[in-house]
Amino acid sequence: MSQDIPRPHGHAEIAAFVCGDVFDRTKGILLAVHDEEGDWQFLCGGEHPEGDHPRVVGLNHVTEADPSIREVMDMPPGWLAERTAVGAEWTRTRLGS
């Protein structure tokens, strides 16, 4: 596991929510959310069929699949980052802005 992934309260692993497309690796991560409760979400930014629920994975699996996610791991809770394509520059925005 990478040393640059924050681990609150000494936990060895952090859970992250991903959409089905990210989980199946059919689409890349274009939206990263660090919500007000401190949870991480990594989404493709697209529409999903009804009943397609988020999956829970270890954050280390997300960063192993897409190392560029480390670029936004310093976001405080209450922020999101978007990009137009995998490898593109992230744009950060406070949630609710």
C-alpha atoms as a PDB file:
ATOM      1  CA  MET A   1       0.000   0.000   0.000  1.00  0.00           C
ATOM      2  CA  SER A   2       1.180   3.494  -0.775  1.00  0.00           C
ATOM      3  CA  GLN A   3       2.411   5.704   2.043  1.00  0.00           C
ATOM      4  CA  ASP A   4       0.714   8.766   0.507  1.00  0.00           C
ATOM      5  CA  ILE A   5      -2.854   7.531   1.095  1.00  0.00           C
ATOM      6  CA  PRO A   6      -4.244   9.169   4.242  1.00  0.00           C
ATOM      7  CA  ARG A   7      -5.429   6.704   6.865  1.00  0.00           C
ATOM      8  CA  PRO A   8      -7.530   8.375   9.555  1.00  0.00           C
ATOM      9  CA  HIS A   9      -7.581   6.895  13.031  1.00  0.00           C
ATOM     10  CA  GLY A  10      -4.780   4.469  12.144  1.00  0.00           C
ATOM     11  CA  HIS A  11      -6.995   2.269   9.948  1.00  0.00           C
ATOM     12  CA  ALA A  12      -5.052   0.014   7.617  1.00  0.00           C
ATOM     13  CA  GLU A  13      -7.584   0.409   4.822  1.00  0.00           C
ATOM     14  CA  ILE A  14     -10.050   3.053   3.720  1.00  0.00           C
ATOM     15  CA  ALA A  15     -13.283   2.199   1.940  1.00  0.00           C
ATOM     16  CA  ALA A  16     -14.192   4.036  -1.253  1.00  0.00           C
ATOM     17  CA  PHE A  17     -17.398   4.021  -3.277  1.00  0.00           C
ATOM     18  CA  VAL A  18     -17.122   3.468  -7.028  1.00  0.00           C
ATOM     19  CA  CYS A  19     -19.750   3.289  -9.750  1.00  0.00           C
ATOM     20  CA  GLY A  20     -20.287   0.067 -11.680  1.00  0.00           C
ATOM     21  CA  ASP A  21     -18.349   1.319 -14.709  1.00  0.00           C
ATOM     22  CA  VAL A  22     -15.296   2.137 -12.602  1.00  0.00           C
ATOM     23  CA  PHE A  23     -15.626  -1.159 -10.735  1.00  0.00           C
ATOM     24  CA  ASP A  24     -15.790  -3.100 -14.017  1.00  0.00           C
ATOM     25  CA  ARG A  25     -13.036  -0.884 -15.504  1.00  0.00           C
ATOM     26  CA  THR A  26     -15.159  -0.137 -18.559  1.00  0.00           C
ATOM     27  CA  LYS A  27     -14.816   3.625 -17.954  1.00  0.00           C
ATOM     28  CA  GLY A  28     -12.193   5.742 -16.250  1.00  0.00           C
ATOM     29  CA  ILE A  29     -12.563   7.929 -13.194  1.00  0.00           C
ATOM     30  CA  LEU A  30     -13.577  11.469 -14.163  1.00  0.00           C
ATOM     31  CA  LEU A  31     -15.111  12.558 -10.854  1.00  0.00           C
ATOM     32  CA  ALA A  32     -13.597  12.231  -7.388  1.00  0.00           C
ATOM     33  CA  VAL A  33     -15.640  13.321  -4.370  1.00  0.00           C
ATOM     34  CA  HIS A  34     -14.481  13.653  -0.766  1.00  0.00           C
ATOM     35  CA  ASP A  35     -17.869  14.202   0.834  1.00  0.00           C
ATOM     36  CA  GLU A  36     -18.709  16.103   4.014  1.00  0.00           C
ATOM     37  CA  GLU A  37     -18.655  12.875   6.062  1.00  0.00           C
ATOM     38  CA  GLY A  38     -15.136  12.078   4.831  1.00  0.00           C
ATOM     39  CA  ASP A  39     -16.137   9.291   2.431  1.00  0.00           C
ATOM     40  CA  TRP A  40     -14.457   9.004  -0.965  1.00  0.00           C
ATOM     41  CA  GLN A  41     -16.369   8.401  -4.208  1.00  0.00           C
ATOM     42  CA  PHE A  42     -14.751   7.723  -7.576  1.00  0.00           C
ATOM     43  CA  LEU A  43     -17.151   7.902 -10.500  1.00  0.00           C
ATOM     44  CA  CYS A  44     -17.113   7.872 -14.289  1.00  0.00           C
ATOM     45  CA  GLY A  45     -19.381  10.915 -14.468  1.00  0.00           C
ATOM     46  CA  GLY A  46     -21.921   9.135 -16.666  1.00  0.00           C
ATOM     47  CA  GLU A  47     -25.495   7.971 -16.270  1.00  0.00           C
ATOM     48  CA  HIS A  48     -26.213   4.554 -14.779  1.00  0.00           C
ATOM     49  CA  PRO A  49     -29.204   2.262 -15.110  1.00  0.00           C
ATOM     50  CA  GLU A  50     -31.749   2.162 -12.319  1.00  0.00           C
ATOM     51  CA  GLY A  51     -30.694  -0.342  -9.691  1.00  0.00           C
ATOM     52  CA  ASP A  52     -26.975   0.025 -10.431  1.00  0.00           C
ATOM     53  CA  HIS A  53     -25.694   0.727  -6.926  1.00  0.00           C
ATOM     54  CA  PRO A  54     -22.218   1.882  -5.913  1.00  0.00           C
ATOM     55  CA  ARG A  55     -19.651  -0.739  -4.979  1.00  0.00           C
ATOM     56  CA  VAL A  56     -17.374  -0.500  -1.964  1.00  0.00           C
ATOM     57  CA  VAL A  57     -13.698  -1.166  -2.561  1.00  0.00           C
ATOM     58  CA  GLY A  58     -10.443  -0.485  -0.761  1.00  0.00           C
ATOM     59  CA  LEU A  59      -8.969   2.893  -1.645  1.00  0.00           C
ATOM     60  CA  ASN A  60      -5.664   1.222  -2.414  1.00  0.00           C
ATOM     61  CA  HIS A  61      -7.355  -0.708  -5.258  1.00  0.00           C
ATOM     62  CA  VAL A  62      -8.553   2.572  -6.751  1.00  0.00           C
ATOM     63  CA  THR A  63      -5.088   4.123  -6.674  1.00  0.00           C
ATOM     64  CA  GLU A  64      -3.498   0.957  -8.055  1.00  0.00           C
ATOM     65  CA  ALA A  65      -5.952   0.963 -10.997  1.00  0.00           C
ATOM     66  CA  ASP A  66      -5.463   4.700 -11.623  1.00  0.00           C
ATOM     67  CA  PRO A  67      -2.373   6.184  -9.940  1.00  0.00           C
ATOM     68  CA  SER A  68      -3.404   9.704 -11.040  1.00  0.00           C
ATOM     69  CA  ILE A  69      -6.029   9.603  -8.255  1.00  0.00           C
ATOM     70  CA  ARG A  70      -3.193  10.363  -5.841  1.00  0.00           C
ATOM     71  CA  GLU A  71      -3.215  13.899  -7.288  1.00  0.00           C
ATOM     72  CA  VAL A  72      -6.514  14.634  -5.501  1.00  0.00           C
ATOM     73  CA  MET A  73      -5.962  12.698  -2.269  1.00  0.00           C
ATOM     74  CA  ASP A  74      -5.106  15.939  -0.461  1.00  0.00           C
ATOM     75  CA  MET A  75      -8.659  17.301  -0.921  1.00  0.00           C
ATOM     76  CA  PRO A  76     -10.348  18.058   2.383  1.00  0.00           C
ATOM     77  CA  PRO A  77     -13.867  16.755   3.044  1.00  0.00           C
ATOM     78  CA  GLY A  78     -16.484  18.784   1.204  1.00  0.00           C
ATOM     79  CA  TRP A  79     -14.617  19.007  -2.113  1.00  0.00           C
ATOM     80  CA  LEU A  80     -14.777  17.338  -5.510  1.00  0.00           C
ATOM     81  CA  ALA A  81     -12.446  17.148  -8.485  1.00  0.00           C
ATOM     82  CA  GLU A  82     -13.459  16.644 -12.108  1.00  0.00           C
ATOM     83  CA  ARG A  83     -11.583  16.091 -15.334  1.00  0.00           C
ATOM     84  CA  THR A  84     -12.595  15.691 -18.951  1.00  0.00           C
ATOM     85  CA  ALA A  85     -10.595  12.512 -19.594  1.00  0.00           C
ATOM     86  CA  VAL A  86      -8.257  10.140 -17.794  1.00  0.00           C
ATOM     87  CA  GLY A  87      -4.889  11.867 -17.681  1.00  0.00           C
ATOM     88  CA  ALA A  88      -6.398  15.357 -18.024  1.00  0.00           C
ATOM     89  CA  GLU A  89      -5.910  18.032 -15.386  1.00  0.00           C
ATOM     90  CA  TRP A  90      -8.233  17.923 -12.363  1.00  0.00           C
ATOM     91  CA  THR A  91     -10.473  20.912 -11.552  1.00  0.00           C
ATOM     92  CA  ARG A  92     -11.392  21.193  -7.889  1.00  0.00           C
ATOM     93  CA  THR A  93     -14.626  22.666  -6.547  1.00  0.00           C
ATOM     94  CA  ARG A  94     -16.124  22.966  -3.091  1.00  0.00           C
ATOM     95  CA  LEU A  95     -19.313  20.863  -2.825  1.00  0.00           C
ATOM     96  CA  GLY A  96     -22.411  23.009  -3.133  1.00  0.00           C
ATOM     97  CA  SER A  97     -20.594  25.780  -5.006  1.00  0.00           C
END
